[in-house]
Protein backbone atom coordinates (compact mmCIF):
# COMPACT_ATOMS: atom_id res chain seq x y z
CA MET A 1 46.66 18.64 -75.25
CA ILE A 2 44.58 21.99 -75.32
CA ASP A 3 43.24 21.93 -78.83
CA GLU A 4 46.19 23.98 -79.99
CA TYR A 5 45.15 23.76 -83.67
CA SER A 6 41.90 25.38 -82.91
CA ARG A 7 43.26 28.20 -81.13
CA ALA A 8 45.75 28.73 -83.91
CA GLU A 9 42.92 29.01 -86.19
CA THR A 10 41.06 31.28 -84.06
CA GLU A 11 43.71 33.74 -82.71
CA GLY A 12 43.73 37.00 -84.84
CA ALA A 13 40.66 35.87 -86.79
CA ARG A 14 38.08 38.44 -88.06
CA ALA A 15 34.98 37.98 -86.04
CA ILE A 16 31.49 38.91 -85.53
CA VAL A 17 29.76 38.91 -82.06
CA LEU A 18 26.29 38.39 -81.40
CA HIS A 19 24.26 38.52 -78.17
CA PRO A 20 20.87 36.87 -78.44
CA HIS A 21 18.32 37.97 -75.95
CA ARG A 22 14.59 36.89 -75.53
CA LYS A 23 12.40 40.33 -75.75
CA GLU A 24 10.18 39.39 -72.82
CA SER A 25 12.78 38.74 -70.54
CA ALA A 26 14.77 41.98 -71.79
CA SER A 27 12.34 44.11 -69.92
CA GLY A 28 12.32 41.99 -66.83
CA SER A 29 13.91 43.40 -63.47
CA THR A 30 16.55 40.90 -63.06
CA ALA A 31 17.85 40.72 -66.47
CA ARG A 32 21.10 42.14 -67.38
CA ASP A 33 21.49 44.95 -70.00
CA PRO A 34 21.71 43.38 -73.33
CA ASP A 35 24.30 46.18 -74.41
CA ALA A 36 26.49 45.60 -71.38
CA CYS A 37 26.41 41.80 -72.19
CA LEU A 38 27.46 42.52 -75.63
CA GLU A 39 30.29 44.85 -74.46
CA GLU A 40 31.63 41.95 -72.22
CA ALA A 41 31.29 39.50 -74.95
CA VAL A 42 33.39 41.77 -77.24
CA GLY A 43 35.63 41.84 -74.30
CA LEU A 44 36.06 38.15 -74.17
CA ALA A 45 36.60 37.72 -77.91
CA ALA A 46 39.29 40.32 -77.62
CA ALA A 47 40.85 38.24 -75.00
CA ILE A 48 42.05 35.95 -77.37
CA ASP A 49 42.98 38.51 -79.92
CA LEU A 50 39.92 37.90 -82.51
CA THR A 51 39.43 41.06 -84.49
CA VAL A 52 35.78 42.01 -83.90
CA LEU A 53 34.25 43.60 -87.12
CA HIS A 54 30.77 43.49 -86.17
CA ALA A 55 28.84 43.37 -82.69
CA ASP A 56 25.22 43.13 -82.44
CA THR A 57 22.47 42.22 -79.89
CA VAL A 58 19.96 40.02 -81.51
CA SER A 59 16.61 40.09 -80.20
CA LEU A 60 14.57 36.59 -80.35
CA ASN A 61 10.69 36.19 -80.39
CA ARG A 62 11.41 32.46 -79.77
CA ILE A 63 14.34 30.03 -79.57
CA ARG A 64 14.80 27.96 -83.02
CA PRO A 65 15.65 24.49 -82.07
CA GLY A 66 17.80 23.99 -85.43
CA THR A 67 19.50 27.29 -85.67
CA LEU A 68 18.67 29.47 -82.58
CA PHE A 69 18.13 32.54 -84.60
CA GLY A 70 15.18 33.10 -87.00
CA VAL A 71 15.81 32.44 -90.95
CA GLY A 72 15.94 35.95 -91.77
CA GLN A 73 18.30 36.72 -89.09
CA VAL A 74 20.59 33.87 -90.22
CA GLU A 75 20.64 34.83 -93.90
CA SER A 76 21.16 38.41 -92.88
CA TYR A 77 24.44 37.58 -90.87
CA ALA A 78 25.59 35.12 -93.63
CA SER A 79 25.67 38.30 -96.10
CA VAL A 80 27.64 40.19 -93.50
CA ILE A 81 29.91 37.40 -92.89
CA GLU A 82 30.53 36.63 -96.57
CA GLU A 83 31.14 39.90 -97.41
CA ASP A 84 33.62 40.97 -94.77
CA HIS A 85 35.30 37.37 -94.93
CA ILE A 86 34.68 36.63 -91.26
CA GLY A 87 36.13 33.41 -89.96
CA VAL A 88 34.47 33.20 -86.61
CA ALA A 89 31.18 34.14 -85.25
CA VAL A 90 30.87 34.38 -81.47
CA VAL A 91 27.45 33.62 -80.21
CA ASP A 92 27.08 35.01 -76.43
CA GLY A 93 24.91 32.50 -75.22
CA ALA A 94 24.33 28.45 -75.00
CA VAL A 95 24.55 26.93 -78.72
CA THR A 96 23.62 23.40 -79.03
CA PRO A 97 25.71 20.99 -81.07
CA ILE A 98 22.90 20.73 -83.52
CA GLN A 99 22.36 24.45 -83.79
CA GLN A 100 26.16 25.06 -84.12
CA ARG A 101 26.55 22.69 -86.90
CA ASN A 102 23.63 24.41 -89.05
CA LEU A 103 25.09 27.75 -88.20
CA GLU A 104 28.43 26.63 -89.51
CA ARG A 105 26.99 25.46 -92.61
CA ALA A 106 24.85 28.30 -93.04
CA TRP A 107 27.55 30.91 -92.39
CA ASN A 108 30.65 29.04 -93.60
CA CYS A 109 32.53 29.91 -90.90
CA LYS A 110 33.60 28.59 -87.16
CA VAL A 111 31.11 29.30 -84.49
CA LEU A 112 31.81 29.66 -80.89
CA ASP A 113 29.29 29.64 -78.19
CA ARG A 114 30.03 31.38 -74.75
CA THR A 115 31.15 28.28 -73.20
CA GLY A 116 33.76 27.60 -76.17
CA LEU A 117 34.82 31.16 -76.22
CA ILE A 118 35.74 30.97 -72.30
CA LEU A 119 37.50 27.56 -72.73
CA GLU A 120 39.45 29.03 -75.56
CA ILE A 121 40.51 31.97 -73.26
CA PHE A 122 41.43 29.46 -70.36
CA GLY A 123 43.34 27.24 -72.71
CA ALA A 124 45.51 30.34 -74.04
CA ARG A 125 46.11 31.66 -70.41
CA ALA A 126 46.68 28.70 -68.11
CA ARG A 127 50.57 28.43 -67.27
CA THR A 128 50.91 25.85 -64.36
CA ARG A 129 50.54 22.20 -65.16
CA GLU A 130 47.61 22.24 -62.97
CA GLY A 131 45.81 25.04 -64.74
CA ARG A 132 46.47 23.21 -68.02
CA LEU A 133 45.04 19.88 -66.64
CA GLN A 134 41.79 21.78 -65.40
CA VAL A 135 41.29 23.69 -68.59
CA GLU A 136 41.77 20.12 -70.64
CA LEU A 137 39.21 18.44 -68.41
CA ALA A 138 36.63 21.08 -69.07
CA HIS A 139 37.48 21.52 -72.75
CA LEU A 140 37.20 17.60 -73.12
CA THR A 141 33.81 17.40 -71.18
CA TYR A 142 32.56 20.17 -73.43
CA GLN A 143 33.90 18.51 -76.73
CA ARG A 144 32.09 15.20 -75.77
CA SER A 145 28.93 17.03 -75.65
CA ARG A 146 29.62 18.21 -79.28
CA LEU A 147 29.87 14.47 -80.53
CA VAL A 148 26.36 14.39 -82.70
CA ARG A 149 25.62 12.70 -85.92
CA SER A 150 27.23 14.58 -88.91
CA TRP A 151 29.44 16.55 -86.82
CA THR A 152 31.11 18.25 -89.46
CA HIS A 153 31.82 21.49 -87.23
CA LEU A 154 34.24 19.41 -85.14
CA GLU A 155 36.87 19.00 -88.35
CA ARG A 156 37.24 22.65 -87.62
CA GLN A 157 37.92 22.25 -84.09
CA ARG A 158 40.15 18.85 -84.46
CA GLY A 159 43.73 18.90 -83.50
CA GLY A 160 45.97 18.97 -80.50
CA PHE A 161 44.02 16.06 -78.84
CA GLY A 162 45.32 13.99 -81.55
CA PHE A 163 42.64 11.37 -81.70
CA LEU A 164 39.53 13.25 -83.06
CA GLY A 165 38.67 11.67 -86.49
CA GLY A 166 36.15 12.00 -89.15
CA PRO A 167 32.33 12.16 -89.28
CA GLY A 168 30.60 8.77 -88.56
CA GLU A 169 28.80 6.84 -85.98
CA THR A 170 31.28 4.35 -85.27
CA GLN A 171 34.08 7.04 -85.30
CA ILE A 172 31.97 9.06 -82.78
CA GLU A 173 31.76 6.17 -80.27
CA ALA A 174 35.62 5.48 -80.63
CA ASP A 175 36.37 9.30 -80.06
CA ARG A 176 33.90 9.32 -76.90
CA ARG A 177 35.52 6.28 -75.47
CA GLN A 178 38.94 7.79 -75.97
CA ILE A 179 37.86 11.08 -74.42
CA ASP A 180 36.31 9.39 -71.44
CA GLU A 181 39.77 7.55 -70.83
CA ARG A 182 41.67 10.94 -70.83
CA ILE A 183 39.25 12.37 -68.65
CA THR A 184 39.47 9.60 -66.15
CA ARG A 185 43.46 10.11 -66.20
CA ILE A 186 43.11 13.99 -65.72
CA ARG A 187 40.96 13.63 -62.84
CA ARG A 188 43.20 11.41 -61.29
CA ASP A 189 45.93 13.72 -61.46
CA LEU A 190 43.80 16.58 -60.20
CA SER A 191 42.82 14.39 -57.38
CA ARG A 192 46.75 14.28 -56.51
CA VAL A 193 46.51 18.15 -56.81
CA THR A 194 43.65 18.42 -54.17
CA ARG A 195 45.70 16.17 -51.74
CA THR A 196 48.78 18.19 -52.21
CA ARG A 197 46.73 21.35 -51.60
CA GLY A 198 45.36 19.77 -48.74
CA LEU A 199 48.77 18.78 -47.19
CA HIS A 200 49.95 22.32 -47.47
CA ARG A 201 46.80 23.54 -45.69
CA ARG A 202 47.64 21.09 -42.89
CA ALA A 203 51.02 22.54 -42.93
CA ARG A 204 49.83 26.19 -42.50
CA GLN A 205 47.56 25.16 -39.85
CA LYS A 206 50.26 23.63 -37.75
CA VAL A 207 52.09 27.02 -38.06
CA PRO A 208 48.99 28.96 -39.19
CA TYR A 209 48.57 32.22 -40.68
CA PRO A 210 45.29 33.60 -41.45
CA VAL A 211 44.20 33.34 -45.14
CA VAL A 212 42.57 36.21 -46.96
CA ALA A 213 41.01 35.39 -50.29
CA LEU A 214 40.18 37.71 -53.26
CA VAL A 215 37.12 36.81 -55.30
CA GLY A 216 35.29 38.65 -57.65
CA TYR A 217 34.14 39.09 -61.44
CA THR A 218 36.68 39.10 -63.97
CA ASN A 219 38.47 42.32 -64.71
CA ALA A 220 37.27 43.72 -61.17
CA GLY A 221 40.94 44.64 -60.42
CA LYS A 222 41.63 41.65 -57.99
CA SER A 223 45.30 41.17 -59.27
CA THR A 224 45.92 44.97 -59.19
CA LEU A 225 44.74 44.93 -55.57
CA PHE A 226 46.76 41.95 -54.88
CA ASN A 227 50.02 43.49 -56.13
CA ARG A 228 49.14 46.84 -54.15
CA LEU A 229 48.89 45.00 -51.01
CA SER A 230 51.57 42.45 -51.32
CA GLY A 231 54.18 43.93 -53.59
CA ALA A 232 54.01 40.93 -55.82
CA GLY A 233 54.44 41.30 -59.66
CA VAL A 234 51.33 39.26 -60.51
CA THR A 235 50.06 40.07 -64.13
CA ALA A 236 47.58 42.58 -63.74
CA ALA A 237 45.84 43.63 -67.15
CA ASP A 238 42.76 45.55 -68.35
CA GLN A 239 41.27 42.45 -69.88
CA LEU A 240 39.20 39.72 -68.95
CA PHE A 241 40.68 36.60 -67.48
CA ALA A 242 44.19 38.00 -67.03
CA THR A 243 44.63 35.70 -64.14
CA LEU A 244 44.10 31.96 -64.01
CA ASP A 245 46.38 30.37 -61.96
CA PRO A 246 46.33 31.10 -58.13
CA THR A 247 48.94 32.97 -56.36
CA MET A 248 49.55 33.46 -52.55
CA ARG A 249 51.75 35.80 -50.84
CA SER A 250 52.31 37.19 -47.14
CA VAL A 251 51.17 40.59 -46.14
CA LYS A 252 51.84 42.34 -42.84
CA LEU A 253 48.91 44.12 -41.18
CA PRO A 254 49.09 47.48 -39.35
CA SER A 255 49.03 45.27 -36.00
CA GLY A 256 52.18 43.57 -37.05
CA ARG A 257 50.51 40.11 -37.85
CA ALA A 258 51.09 38.49 -41.05
CA VAL A 259 48.10 36.76 -43.27
CA ILE A 260 48.34 34.97 -46.40
CA LEU A 261 46.52 36.87 -49.33
CA SER A 262 45.14 34.48 -52.26
CA ASP A 263 44.59 35.80 -55.55
CA THR A 264 41.94 33.54 -57.53
CA VAL A 265 40.58 33.27 -61.14
CA GLY A 266 37.71 35.59 -61.76
CA PHE A 267 34.00 34.66 -62.03
CA VAL A 268 31.91 35.58 -65.04
CA SER A 269 28.13 35.53 -65.64
CA SER A 270 26.98 31.99 -67.05
CA LEU A 271 30.27 30.48 -66.10
CA PRO A 272 30.12 26.97 -67.48
CA THR A 273 29.45 24.40 -64.69
CA MET A 274 32.26 22.28 -66.16
CA LEU A 275 34.80 24.90 -65.28
CA VAL A 276 33.53 25.69 -61.78
CA ALA A 277 33.91 21.85 -61.31
CA ALA A 278 37.43 21.73 -63.15
CA PHE A 279 38.66 24.75 -61.03
CA ARG A 280 37.43 23.23 -57.60
CA ALA A 281 41.05 22.23 -56.58
CA THR A 282 42.15 26.14 -57.28
CA LEU A 283 39.20 27.45 -55.46
CA GLU A 284 39.19 25.56 -52.61
CA GLU A 285 41.58 28.14 -51.32
CA VAL A 286 38.43 30.22 -51.06
CA LEU A 287 36.44 27.56 -48.93
CA GLU A 288 39.37 27.29 -46.56
CA ALA A 289 39.94 31.18 -46.14
CA ASP A 290 39.51 32.57 -42.73
CA LEU A 291 38.37 36.05 -44.77
CA ILE A 292 36.64 36.51 -48.19
CA LEU A 293 37.06 39.91 -49.76
CA HIS A 294 34.70 40.34 -52.76
CA VAL A 295 36.39 42.91 -55.18
CA ARG A 296 33.65 44.72 -57.28
CA ASP A 297 34.19 47.15 -60.16
CA LEU A 298 31.96 50.18 -59.19
CA ALA A 299 32.64 51.75 -62.59
CA HIS A 300 31.18 49.06 -64.38
CA PRO A 301 27.37 49.60 -65.52
CA ASP A 302 26.42 46.06 -64.30
CA SER A 303 28.31 45.85 -61.07
CA ASP A 304 25.04 44.74 -58.97
CA ALA A 305 24.28 42.04 -61.74
CA GLN A 306 27.99 40.93 -61.19
CA LYS A 307 27.71 40.78 -57.61
CA LEU A 308 24.78 38.14 -58.03
CA ASP A 309 26.82 36.28 -60.56
CA VAL A 310 30.06 35.85 -58.09
CA LEU A 311 27.43 34.82 -55.23
CA SER A 312 25.94 32.35 -57.65
CA VAL A 313 29.23 30.76 -58.25
CA LEU A 314 30.43 30.96 -54.69
CA GLY A 315 27.23 29.04 -53.86
CA GLU A 316 28.11 26.48 -56.19
CA LEU A 317 31.39 26.01 -54.93
CA GLY A 318 29.71 25.22 -51.39
CA VAL A 319 30.32 28.52 -49.52
CA GLU A 320 27.96 28.52 -46.70
CA GLN A 321 25.48 31.67 -46.41
CA GLU A 322 26.75 32.68 -42.88
CA ARG A 323 30.34 33.12 -44.67
CA LEU A 324 28.94 35.17 -47.55
CA ASP A 325 26.97 37.29 -45.28
CA ALA A 326 30.40 38.12 -43.37
CA MET A 327 32.24 38.58 -46.73
CA LEU A 328 33.74 42.14 -47.07
CA GLU A 329 32.84 43.93 -50.03
CA VAL A 330 36.11 45.83 -51.69
CA ARG A 331 34.37 48.34 -54.13
CA ASN A 332 37.19 49.21 -56.45
CA LYS A 333 37.68 51.62 -58.98
CA ILE A 334 36.52 54.88 -57.44
CA ASP A 335 38.97 56.84 -59.80
CA LEU A 336 36.82 55.85 -62.63
CA ILE A 337 33.51 57.31 -61.13
CA ASP A 338 32.47 60.96 -60.83
CA ALA A 339 32.29 62.96 -57.58
CA GLU A 340 28.34 62.79 -57.39
CA ALA A 341 28.56 59.09 -57.89
CA LEU A 342 31.55 58.75 -55.32
CA ALA A 343 29.41 60.51 -52.56
CA ASN A 344 26.35 58.41 -53.52
CA GLU A 345 28.56 55.35 -53.02
CA ARG A 346 30.15 56.52 -49.91
CA ARG A 347 26.53 56.87 -48.54
CA ARG A 348 25.61 53.37 -49.64
CA ALA A 349 28.74 52.00 -47.93
CA GLU A 350 28.06 53.40 -44.71
CA ARG A 351 24.25 52.20 -44.88
CA ASP A 352 25.42 48.70 -45.86
CA GLY A 353 28.19 48.59 -43.14
CA ASN A 354 30.25 45.84 -44.68
CA ALA A 355 31.94 47.55 -47.30
CA ILE A 356 35.02 49.68 -48.11
CA LEU A 357 35.64 52.06 -51.27
CA LEU A 358 39.32 52.39 -52.78
CA SER A 359 41.31 52.43 -55.70
CA ALA A 360 43.88 49.57 -56.15
CA VAL A 361 45.54 51.58 -59.20
CA THR A 362 46.02 54.87 -57.28
CA GLY A 363 46.30 53.19 -53.74
CA GLU A 364 43.60 55.31 -52.29
CA ASN A 365 42.56 54.01 -49.22
CA CYS A 366 44.20 50.67 -49.52
CA ASP A 367 45.75 51.35 -46.08
CA GLY A 368 42.01 51.37 -44.73
CA LEU A 369 41.44 48.34 -46.14
CA LEU A 370 44.53 46.50 -44.30
CA ASP A 371 42.98 48.25 -41.04
CA LEU A 372 39.66 46.61 -41.71
CA ILE A 373 41.14 43.19 -42.45
CA ASP A 374 43.10 43.66 -38.98
CA GLN A 375 39.70 44.50 -37.33
CA ARG A 376 37.91 41.58 -38.71
CA LEU A 377 40.28 39.27 -37.95
CA SER A 378 40.56 40.62 -34.38
CA ALA A 379 37.16 40.27 -33.74
CA THR A 380 37.45 36.22 -33.68
CA GLN A 381 40.36 36.99 -30.95
CA LYS A 382 40.59 34.93 -27.73
CA ILE A 383 41.55 36.55 -24.56
CA LEU A 384 44.43 34.57 -22.80
CA GLU A 385 46.22 35.08 -19.85
CA LEU A 386 49.73 33.98 -19.99
CA SER A 387 52.62 33.76 -17.72
CA VAL A 388 55.91 33.97 -19.71
CA ASP A 389 59.62 34.00 -18.36
CA LEU A 390 61.07 37.51 -18.54
CA SER A 391 64.06 35.84 -20.01
CA ASP A 392 62.26 34.40 -22.95
CA GLY A 393 62.31 37.69 -25.18
CA GLU A 394 61.54 35.87 -28.30
CA ALA A 395 58.08 34.88 -26.63
CA LEU A 396 57.23 38.15 -25.35
CA ALA A 397 58.33 39.96 -28.80
CA TRP A 398 56.14 37.45 -30.41
CA LEU A 399 53.01 38.32 -28.60
CA TYR A 400 53.45 42.15 -28.97
CA SER A 401 53.81 41.70 -32.51
CA ARG A 402 51.10 39.00 -33.14
CA GLY A 403 48.51 39.76 -30.35
CA ASP A 404 46.77 42.87 -28.83
CA VAL A 405 48.27 43.17 -25.27
CA LEU A 406 45.79 44.29 -22.94
CA SER A 407 47.71 44.51 -19.54
CA ARG A 408 51.13 43.24 -18.47
CA GLU A 409 52.29 42.59 -14.79
CA ASP A 410 55.88 41.61 -14.10
CA ASP A 411 56.08 39.48 -11.14
CA GLY A 412 59.74 38.20 -9.84
CA GLU A 413 60.97 36.19 -13.19
CA LEU A 414 57.52 36.19 -14.60
CA ALA A 415 55.74 38.40 -16.88
CA ARG A 416 51.71 37.71 -16.51
CA ILE A 417 50.22 39.05 -19.84
CA ARG A 418 46.64 39.30 -20.87
CA VAL A 419 46.64 39.32 -24.65
CA GLY A 420 43.93 38.96 -27.39
CA LEU A 421 45.05 36.28 -30.12
CA ASP A 422 42.89 34.66 -32.71
CA ASP A 423 42.53 30.92 -32.91
CA ALA A 424 45.24 30.60 -35.69
CA ASP A 425 47.85 32.72 -33.74
CA ALA A 426 46.73 30.94 -30.30
CA ALA A 427 47.68 27.59 -31.97
CA ARG A 428 50.80 28.89 -33.39
CA PHE A 429 52.13 30.29 -30.10
CA SER A 430 51.29 27.08 -28.33
CA HIS A 431 53.13 25.11 -31.25
CA ARG A 432 56.05 27.46 -31.22
CA PHE A 433 56.70 28.27 -27.51
CA GLY A 434 54.44 25.86 -25.88
CA ASP A 435 51.73 26.14 -23.45
CA ASP A 436 53.07 25.51 -19.98
CA GLY A 437 52.37 29.14 -19.15
CA GLU A 438 48.88 29.45 -20.13
CA LYS A 439 46.59 29.96 -17.33
CA GLY A 440 43.24 30.31 -19.11
CA ILE A 441 40.91 31.69 -21.79
CA ILE A 442 38.52 34.46 -20.69
């Protein structure tokens, strides 16, 4: 149902990538570098196997309501597109339905804006049924906004859904109704997914392990780090949005305690709101996590801007500011920066006090990250005084492996233990061994 005809038409096509930017904003202190944005857009196009023949930043004096670009710019690129037989024009920005229709008429090729391109990638990469439902929901929401009078551009995007017809006001109304019905069914299915995830979380809370969630900009190295720490075989490629479906694995920390490590979909600048909403069920693991690790790509020239984009999306998801402040920054890819830059980053990390430098590819300082996770989770520990029967070797071994035993006195048949446990492990101990021996919490 994910517009397979459209994707088949797009994959492998000859393409041009254009990044429009306003002249006055390009010099602003908060604006991203246009060349870096163009490079990212080319990477997004490559993620669905487009063959990019031309890539340009396009300076705009003002936004043209009908075509986005100026008349001269439209005509100039029309010549390039015709000469090189380009089939897809990627505009790295928001394009209205009217602008898309007019550009497709002028250039005689398919036009994808940033949202449409990201949806194409997500549709090609989603593997689980949940992921496909989420992508289809976002795709239908996007397509619904494309229903305009004389919407001939949709003839190129039609297919897969099976109900998109030809142009015409009556047909548009019929298509809108059928899209709305399908959206309702998908949301109903996804609500079941949300309930199922809630049940799984409640089950983990009964026999709880702390959850550590990896978040970050796409291609920051989250999946590579996930594999390094957990020994899993999650797909980790040097391309944007290599991971869409969430993965969770158990990881043992140096203290012996186990945590659940969660790998999530990467974020990107101007991530479509409909995608944030569609993937809310998946990203709920971030909301429930005991600790969030923000993986950053130190080698990327726009690393600081990428950080702001990630924080923006986390805010949209409802992550509280207090948790954002406590989030640990994992500054990755130190193997790709020179010695001077690395020294500067080390000083910066020491000053910030909430960051660690490492390389997920080489493994450098990954053990240090595990130690830091251990320390962070230990900071929330309760100090308990427990009396445990000396014959209960399993309970004693559990306390030594999961907690920080501060003192122990053997008195007759009892071991009086003073131990630090976090809330999750305290609840797990009580659930597994009972709380008859608990004397108090300090």
